[in-house]
Amino acid sequence: MDSNVSMSIRPTWSGSLSHGWKTMKSHFLSLLLIVIVCSIVQMPLQLFHKGNSADSSSLKILLEFLALAYWVLFLPVINYSANLLFIQAVRNEVLELKNIIIGFKNYLDIVLVHLFVTALIGIASIALLIPGIIVACRLAFVSYLVMDKGMGPIAAVEASWKMTRGHGWRIFLLGLTSIFIFIGGLLFFVVGILPAIIWIKAAFASLYQAVLDEKNEV
């Protein structure tokens, strides 16, 4: 990692967006391919949901089961791997598309932490919407810690909670801004969606790196 790159990121909303934009410009083609792969692997979920409109109750149950299994056992691996590649891009490291499946080396931890985080956010959201948002913001770095630091589910959740202390509002604001960036990409003749996603993911990876450098806790 180029230490000058990481130290230049300010752990702020604007700093994350600014460095995310620079990262996107520096590694655009590689990150575009990564986002395209992530979009393609999302497609089977849409097919499963469309199949639920069938009249057969048994077919609906089967498709719902397949969709759940796909969402739990496969999608997290690709998404977590993509997050690691975005961290590498933020650090100005060489990206290799084959690493989009590197998460299979850490398969069990990824599946378990995905279920664990989903359960925590779900339980908090059942209580009230605001606690759910707070928990989601405080656990925003879990996937990065699992892939970047090789942490297990419990350790990653605990580390993310510590790292994000004092940064919850920045994460929330960045998430809120991401909605508008995505909408802007959608309005820009649809083709702007992919660059919008790249910018969003690069901005979150930049914030993770900035907080990691600042806290030096992990």
C-alpha atoms as a PDB file:
ATOM      1  CA  MET A   1       0.000   0.000   0.000  1.00  0.00           C
ATOM      2  CA  ASP A   2       1.172   3.516  -0.765  1.00  0.00           C
ATOM      3  CA  SER A   3       1.103   5.123   2.697  1.00  0.00           C
ATOM      4  CA  ASN A   4       0.934   8.583   1.137  1.00  0.00           C
ATOM      5  CA  VAL A   5      -2.337   7.624  -0.503  1.00  0.00           C
ATOM      6  CA  SER A   6      -3.998   6.351   2.663  1.00  0.00           C
ATOM      7  CA  MET A   7      -2.776   9.261   4.796  1.00  0.00           C
ATOM      8  CA  SER A   8      -4.183  11.753   2.301  1.00  0.00           C
ATOM      9  CA  ILE A   9      -7.750  10.614   2.979  1.00  0.00           C
ATOM     10  CA  ARG A  10      -9.627  12.696   5.492  1.00  0.00           C
ATOM     11  CA  PRO A  11     -12.101  10.641   7.598  1.00  0.00           C
ATOM     12  CA  THR A  12     -14.954  12.955   6.656  1.00  0.00           C
ATOM     13  CA  TRP A  13     -17.959  12.880   4.372  1.00  0.00           C
ATOM     14  CA  SER A  14     -16.349  15.171   1.814  1.00  0.00           C
ATOM     15  CA  GLY A  15     -12.944  13.518   2.120  1.00  0.00           C
ATOM     16  CA  SER A  16     -14.433  10.080   1.432  1.00  0.00           C
ATOM     17  CA  LEU A  17     -16.382  11.284  -1.596  1.00  0.00           C
ATOM     18  CA  SER A  18     -13.359  13.166  -2.930  1.00  0.00           C
ATOM     19  CA  HIS A  19     -10.985  10.230  -2.597  1.00  0.00           C
ATOM     20  CA  GLY A  20     -13.657   7.848  -3.870  1.00  0.00           C
ATOM     21  CA  TRP A  21     -13.918   9.979  -7.014  1.00  0.00           C
ATOM     22  CA  LYS A  22     -10.131   9.957  -7.475  1.00  0.00           C
ATOM     23  CA  THR A  23     -10.071   6.192  -6.986  1.00  0.00           C
ATOM     24  CA  MET A  24     -12.799   5.734  -9.580  1.00  0.00           C
ATOM     25  CA  LYS A  25     -10.872   7.788 -12.133  1.00  0.00           C
ATOM     26  CA  SER A  26      -7.596   5.957 -11.436  1.00  0.00           C
ATOM     27  CA  HIS A  27      -9.036   2.423 -11.642  1.00  0.00           C
ATOM     28  CA  PHE A  28     -12.184   2.961 -13.678  1.00  0.00           C
ATOM     29  CA  LEU A  29     -12.008   0.001 -16.070  1.00  0.00           C
ATOM     30  CA  SER A  30     -11.069  -2.519 -13.377  1.00  0.00           C
ATOM     31  CA  LEU A  31     -13.751  -1.264 -10.980  1.00  0.00           C
ATOM     32  CA  LEU A  32     -16.290  -1.182 -13.801  1.00  0.00           C
ATOM     33  CA  LEU A  33     -15.675  -4.876 -14.485  1.00  0.00           C
ATOM     34  CA  ILE A  34     -16.032  -5.645 -10.786  1.00  0.00           C
ATOM     35  CA  VAL A  35     -19.359  -3.813 -10.565  1.00  0.00           C
ATOM     36  CA  ILE A  36     -20.596  -5.511 -13.735  1.00  0.00           C
ATOM     37  CA  VAL A  37     -19.766  -8.931 -12.254  1.00  0.00           C
ATOM     38  CA  CYS A  38     -21.580  -8.000  -9.025  1.00  0.00           C
ATOM     39  CA  SER A  39     -24.606  -6.872 -11.050  1.00  0.00           C
ATOM     40  CA  ILE A  40     -24.655 -10.102 -13.034  1.00  0.00           C
ATOM     41  CA  VAL A  41     -24.574 -12.287  -9.928  1.00  0.00           C
ATOM     42  CA  GLN A  42     -27.568 -10.348  -8.594  1.00  0.00           C
ATOM     43  CA  MET A  43     -29.688 -11.363 -11.604  1.00  0.00           C
ATOM     44  CA  PRO A  44     -30.660 -14.876 -10.413  1.00  0.00           C
ATOM     45  CA  LEU A  45     -32.399 -13.296  -7.410  1.00  0.00           C
ATOM     46  CA  GLN A  46     -34.615 -11.338  -9.790  1.00  0.00           C
ATOM     47  CA  LEU A  47     -35.402 -14.508 -11.704  1.00  0.00           C
ATOM     48  CA  PHE A  48     -36.359 -16.304  -8.484  1.00  0.00           C
ATOM     49  CA  HIS A  49     -38.664 -13.456  -7.480  1.00  0.00           C
ATOM     50  CA  LYS A  50     -40.315 -13.331 -10.910  1.00  0.00           C
ATOM     51  CA  GLY A  51     -40.915 -17.049 -10.703  1.00  0.00           C
ATOM     52  CA  ASN A  52     -42.883 -16.479  -7.507  1.00  0.00           C
ATOM     53  CA  SER A  53     -45.749 -15.172  -9.604  1.00  0.00           C
ATOM     54  CA  ALA A  54     -46.466 -18.728 -10.735  1.00  0.00           C
ATOM     55  CA  ASP A  55     -49.714 -20.319  -9.563  1.00  0.00           C
ATOM     56  CA  SER A  56     -48.116 -23.450  -8.140  1.00  0.00           C
ATOM     57  CA  SER A  57     -47.637 -23.121  -4.395  1.00  0.00           C
ATOM     58  CA  SER A  58     -44.949 -25.805  -4.367  1.00  0.00           C
ATOM     59  CA  LEU A  59     -43.020 -23.943  -7.073  1.00  0.00           C
ATOM     60  CA  LYS A  60     -43.253 -20.717  -5.082  1.00  0.00           C
ATOM     61  CA  ILE A  61     -41.845 -22.410  -2.004  1.00  0.00           C
ATOM     62  CA  LEU A  62     -39.013 -23.950  -4.022  1.00  0.00           C
ATOM     63  CA  LEU A  63     -38.098 -20.627  -5.635  1.00  0.00           C
ATOM     64  CA  GLU A  64     -38.222 -18.825  -2.301  1.00  0.00           C
ATOM     65  CA  PHE A  65     -35.916 -21.451  -0.812  1.00  0.00           C
ATOM     66  CA  LEU A  66     -33.505 -21.173  -3.740  1.00  0.00           C
ATOM     67  CA  ALA A  67     -33.523 -17.374  -3.492  1.00  0.00           C
ATOM     68  CA  LEU A  68     -32.776 -17.520   0.247  1.00  0.00           C
ATOM     69  CA  ALA A  69     -29.990 -20.061  -0.243  1.00  0.00           C
ATOM     70  CA  TYR A  70     -28.465 -17.974  -3.040  1.00  0.00           C
ATOM     71  CA  TRP A  71     -28.657 -14.806  -0.929  1.00  0.00           C
ATOM     72  CA  VAL A  72     -27.076 -16.478   2.102  1.00  0.00           C
ATOM     73  CA  LEU A  73     -24.546 -18.869   0.578  1.00  0.00           C
ATOM     74  CA  PHE A  74     -23.267 -17.178  -2.573  1.00  0.00           C
ATOM     75  CA  LEU A  75     -23.978 -13.444  -2.896  1.00  0.00           C
ATOM     76  CA  PRO A  76     -22.102 -12.402   0.272  1.00  0.00           C
ATOM     77  CA  VAL A  77     -18.920 -14.074  -0.979  1.00  0.00           C
ATOM     78  CA  ILE A  78     -18.911 -12.038  -4.191  1.00  0.00           C
ATOM     79  CA  ASN A  79     -19.917  -8.796  -2.472  1.00  0.00           C
ATOM     80  CA  TYR A  80     -17.293  -9.155   0.263  1.00  0.00           C
ATOM     81  CA  SER A  81     -14.642  -9.984  -2.335  1.00  0.00           C
ATOM     82  CA  ALA A  82     -15.633  -6.878  -4.298  1.00  0.00           C
ATOM     83  CA  ASN A  83     -15.285  -4.777  -1.142  1.00  0.00           C
ATOM     84  CA  LEU A  84     -11.727  -6.036  -0.716  1.00  0.00           C
ATOM     85  CA  LEU A  85     -10.929  -5.092  -4.303  1.00  0.00           C
ATOM     86  CA  PHE A  86     -12.275  -1.593  -3.683  1.00  0.00           C
ATOM     87  CA  ILE A  87     -10.038  -1.286  -0.623  1.00  0.00           C
ATOM     88  CA  GLN A  88      -7.079  -2.309  -2.778  1.00  0.00           C
ATOM     89  CA  ALA A  89      -8.087   0.330  -5.330  1.00  0.00           C
ATOM     90  CA  VAL A  90      -8.241   2.972  -2.591  1.00  0.00           C
ATOM     91  CA  ARG A  91      -4.714   1.917  -1.601  1.00  0.00           C
ATOM     92  CA  ASN A  92      -3.677   2.209  -5.246  1.00  0.00           C
ATOM     93  CA  GLU A  93      -2.751  -1.465  -5.437  1.00  0.00           C
ATOM     94  CA  VAL A  94      -2.893  -3.608  -8.566  1.00  0.00           C
ATOM     95  CA  LEU A  95      -6.344  -5.120  -9.048  1.00  0.00           C
ATOM     96  CA  GLU A  96      -6.923  -8.626 -10.370  1.00  0.00           C
ATOM     97  CA  LEU A  97     -10.454  -9.517 -11.420  1.00  0.00           C
ATOM     98  CA  LYS A  98      -9.886 -13.170 -10.517  1.00  0.00           C
ATOM     99  CA  ASN A  99      -9.931 -12.069  -6.874  1.00  0.00           C
ATOM    100  CA  ILE A 100     -13.671 -11.473  -7.177  1.00  0.00           C
ATOM    101  CA  ILE A 101     -13.984 -15.031  -5.846  1.00  0.00           C
ATOM    102  CA  ILE A 102     -11.242 -14.742  -3.233  1.00  0.00           C
ATOM    103  CA  GLY A 103     -13.921 -14.742  -0.554  1.00  0.00           C
ATOM    104  CA  PHE A 104     -14.310 -18.508  -0.966  1.00  0.00           C
ATOM    105  CA  LYS A 105     -11.028 -18.845   0.944  1.00  0.00           C
ATOM    106  CA  ASN A 106     -12.844 -17.325   3.910  1.00  0.00           C
ATOM    107  CA  TYR A 107     -16.229 -18.783   3.048  1.00  0.00           C
ATOM    108  CA  LEU A 108     -17.594 -19.844   6.433  1.00  0.00           C
ATOM    109  CA  ASP A 109     -16.703 -16.582   8.182  1.00  0.00           C
ATOM    110  CA  ILE A 110     -18.344 -14.556   5.406  1.00  0.00           C
ATOM    111  CA  VAL A 111     -21.590 -16.530   5.529  1.00  0.00           C
ATOM    112  CA  LEU A 112     -21.723 -16.426   9.333  1.00  0.00           C
ATOM    113  CA  VAL A 113     -20.941 -12.728   9.636  1.00  0.00           C
ATOM    114  CA  HIS A 114     -23.474 -11.933   6.896  1.00  0.00           C
ATOM    115  CA  LEU A 115     -26.189 -13.725   8.857  1.00  0.00           C
ATOM    116  CA  PHE A 116     -25.012 -12.220  12.152  1.00  0.00           C
ATOM    117  CA  VAL A 117     -25.036  -8.621  10.894  1.00  0.00           C
ATOM    118  CA  THR A 118     -28.381  -9.095   9.150  1.00  0.00           C
ATOM    119  CA  ALA A 119     -29.869 -10.463  12.372  1.00  0.00           C
ATOM    120  CA  LEU A 120     -28.498  -7.589  14.477  1.00  0.00           C
ATOM    121  CA  ILE A 121     -29.813  -4.933  12.099  1.00  0.00           C
ATOM    122  CA  GLY A 122     -33.135  -6.757  11.780  1.00  0.00           C
ATOM    123  CA  ILE A 123     -33.615  -7.028  15.540  1.00  0.00           C
ATOM    124  CA  ALA A 124     -32.749  -3.349  16.032  1.00  0.00           C
ATOM    125  CA  SER A 125     -35.108  -2.343  13.207  1.00  0.00           C
ATOM    126  CA  ILE A 126     -37.980  -4.315  14.734  1.00  0.00           C
ATOM    127  CA  ALA A 127     -37.645  -2.210  17.870  1.00  0.00           C
ATOM    128  CA  LEU A 128     -37.599   1.082  15.979  1.00  0.00           C
ATOM    129  CA  LEU A 129     -36.322   2.364  12.641  1.00  0.00           C
ATOM    130  CA  ILE A 130     -33.698   4.660  14.158  1.00  0.00           C
ATOM    131  CA  PRO A 131     -31.937   1.932  16.196  1.00  0.00           C
ATOM    132  CA  GLY A 132     -31.780  -0.160  13.032  1.00  0.00           C
ATOM    133  CA  ILE A 133     -30.090   2.686  11.164  1.00  0.00           C
ATOM    134  CA  ILE A 134     -27.655   3.245  14.025  1.00  0.00           C
ATOM    135  CA  VAL A 135     -26.672  -0.431  14.138  1.00  0.00           C
ATOM    136  CA  ALA A 136     -26.293  -0.534  10.342  1.00  0.00           C
ATOM    137  CA  CYS A 137     -23.959   2.494  10.442  1.00  0.00           C
ATOM    138  CA  ARG A 138     -21.879   1.107  13.295  1.00  0.00           C
ATOM    139  CA  LEU A 139     -21.448  -2.218  11.474  1.00  0.00           C
ATOM    140  CA  ALA A 140     -20.625  -0.639   8.119  1.00  0.00           C
ATOM    141  CA  PHE A 141     -16.988  -1.785   8.265  1.00  0.00           C
ATOM    142  CA  VAL A 142     -17.640  -5.446   9.093  1.00  0.00           C
ATOM    143  CA  SER A 143     -17.196  -6.767   5.553  1.00  0.00           C
ATOM    144  CA  TYR A 144     -13.941  -4.826   5.136  1.00  0.00           C
ATOM    145  CA  LEU A 145     -12.541  -6.161   8.409  1.00  0.00           C
ATOM    146  CA  VAL A 146     -13.413  -9.752   7.511  1.00  0.00           C
ATOM    147  CA  MET A 147     -11.704  -9.493   4.140  1.00  0.00           C
ATOM    148  CA  ASP A 148      -8.910  -7.039   4.923  1.00  0.00           C
ATOM    149  CA  LYS A 149      -7.937  -8.233   8.394  1.00  0.00           C
ATOM    150  CA  GLY A 150      -9.157 -11.838   8.267  1.00  0.00           C
ATOM    151  CA  MET A 151     -11.381 -11.383  11.321  1.00  0.00           C
ATOM    152  CA  GLY A 152     -14.100 -13.780  12.385  1.00  0.00           C
ATOM    153  CA  PRO A 153     -17.755 -12.743  12.808  1.00  0.00           C
ATOM    154  CA  ILE A 154     -17.640 -11.670  16.463  1.00  0.00           C
ATOM    155  CA  ALA A 155     -14.265  -9.945  16.214  1.00  0.00           C
ATOM    156  CA  ALA A 156     -15.301  -8.047  13.064  1.00  0.00           C
ATOM    157  CA  VAL A 157     -18.540  -6.827  14.643  1.00  0.00           C
ATOM    158  CA  GLU A 158     -16.728  -5.679  17.773  1.00  0.00           C
ATOM    159  CA  ALA A 159     -13.953  -3.978  15.794  1.00  0.00           C
ATOM    160  CA  SER A 160     -16.408  -2.211  13.480  1.00  0.00           C
ATOM    161  CA  TRP A 161     -18.371  -0.948  16.492  1.00  0.00           C
ATOM    162  CA  LYS A 162     -15.182   0.494  17.994  1.00  0.00           C
ATOM    163  CA  MET A 163     -13.884   1.958  14.734  1.00  0.00           C
ATOM    164  CA  THR A 164     -17.113   3.730  13.874  1.00  0.00           C
ATOM    165  CA  ARG A 165     -17.443   5.408  17.273  1.00  0.00           C
ATOM    166  CA  GLY A 166     -17.618   9.102  16.493  1.00  0.00           C
ATOM    167  CA  HIS A 167     -18.142   8.447  12.773  1.00  0.00           C
ATOM    168  CA  GLY A 168     -21.767   7.253  12.784  1.00  0.00           C
ATOM    169  CA  TRP A 169     -23.162  10.501  11.393  1.00  0.00           C
ATOM    170  CA  ARG A 170     -20.548  10.557   8.635  1.00  0.00           C
ATOM    171  CA  ILE A 171     -21.472   7.025   7.606  1.00  0.00           C
ATOM    172  CA  PHE A 172     -25.170   7.871   7.699  1.00  0.00           C
ATOM    173  CA  LEU A 173     -24.638  11.032   5.646  1.00  0.00           C
ATOM    174  CA  LEU A 174     -22.511   9.126   3.144  1.00  0.00           C
ATOM    175  CA  GLY A 175     -25.245   6.492   2.851  1.00  0.00           C
ATOM    176  CA  LEU A 176     -27.879   9.187   2.353  1.00  0.00           C
ATOM    177  CA  THR A 177     -25.733  10.893  -0.271  1.00  0.00           C
ATOM    178  CA  SER A 178     -25.303   7.552  -2.026  1.00  0.00           C
ATOM    179  CA  ILE A 179     -29.050   7.446  -2.664  1.00  0.00           C
ATOM    180  CA  PHE A 180     -28.898  10.752  -4.528  1.00  0.00           C
ATOM    181  CA  ILE A 181     -25.764   9.717  -6.422  1.00  0.00           C
ATOM    182  CA  PHE A 182     -27.547   6.542  -7.530  1.00  0.00           C
ATOM    183  CA  ILE A 183     -30.652   8.473  -8.579  1.00  0.00           C
ATOM    184  CA  GLY A 184     -28.436  10.919 -10.472  1.00  0.00           C
ATOM    185  CA  GLY A 185     -26.788   8.006 -12.269  1.00  0.00           C
ATOM    186  CA  LEU A 186     -30.189   6.576 -13.103  1.00  0.00           C
ATOM    187  CA  LEU A 187     -31.359   9.866 -14.579  1.00  0.00           C
ATOM    188  CA  PHE A 188     -28.189  10.240 -16.620  1.00  0.00           C
ATOM    189  CA  PHE A 189     -29.446   8.065 -19.472  1.00  0.00           C
ATOM    190  CA  VAL A 190     -29.323   4.969 -17.221  1.00  0.00           C
ATOM    191  CA  VAL A 191     -25.679   4.280 -18.177  1.00  0.00           C
ATOM    192  CA  GLY A 192     -24.636   6.488 -15.290  1.00  0.00           C
ATOM    193  CA  ILE A 193     -25.747   3.832 -12.799  1.00  0.00           C
ATOM    194  CA  LEU A 194     -22.504   1.852 -12.987  1.00  0.00           C
ATOM    195  CA  PRO A 195     -20.202   4.860 -12.437  1.00  0.00           C
ATOM    196  CA  ALA A 196     -22.510   5.923  -9.605  1.00  0.00           C
ATOM    197  CA  ILE A 197     -22.136   2.519  -7.930  1.00  0.00           C
ATOM    198  CA  ILE A 198     -18.354   2.632  -8.394  1.00  0.00           C
ATOM    199  CA  TRP A 199     -18.179   6.070  -6.777  1.00  0.00           C
ATOM    200  CA  ILE A 200     -20.366   4.990  -3.846  1.00  0.00           C
ATOM    201  CA  LYS A 201     -18.376   1.826  -3.137  1.00  0.00           C
ATOM    202  CA  ALA A 202     -15.064   3.650  -3.530  1.00  0.00           C
ATOM    203  CA  ALA A 203     -16.241   6.377  -1.140  1.00  0.00           C
ATOM    204  CA  PHE A 204     -17.165   3.848   1.571  1.00  0.00           C
ATOM    205  CA  ALA A 205     -13.852   2.016   1.097  1.00  0.00           C
ATOM    206  CA  SER A 206     -12.072   5.359   1.367  1.00  0.00           C
ATOM    207  CA  LEU A 207     -13.847   6.149   4.631  1.00  0.00           C
ATOM    208  CA  TYR A 208     -12.891   2.741   6.014  1.00  0.00           C
ATOM    209  CA  GLN A 209      -9.237   3.306   5.118  1.00  0.00           C
ATOM    210  CA  ALA A 210      -9.263   6.821   6.549  1.00  0.00           C
ATOM    211  CA  VAL A 211     -10.774   5.692   9.862  1.00  0.00           C
ATOM    212  CA  LEU A 212      -8.392   2.722   9.959  1.00  0.00           C
ATOM    213  CA  ASP A 213      -5.425   5.059   9.618  1.00  0.00           C
ATOM    214  CA  GLU A 214      -6.851   7.486  12.149  1.00  0.00           C
ATOM    215  CA  LYS A 215      -7.795   5.030  14.876  1.00  0.00           C
ATOM    216  CA  ASN A 216      -4.960   2.547  14.300  1.00  0.00           C
ATOM    217  CA  GLU A 217      -6.960   0.087  16.393  1.00  0.00           C
ATOM    218  CA  VAL A 218      -7.032  -2.947  14.158  1.00  0.00           C
END
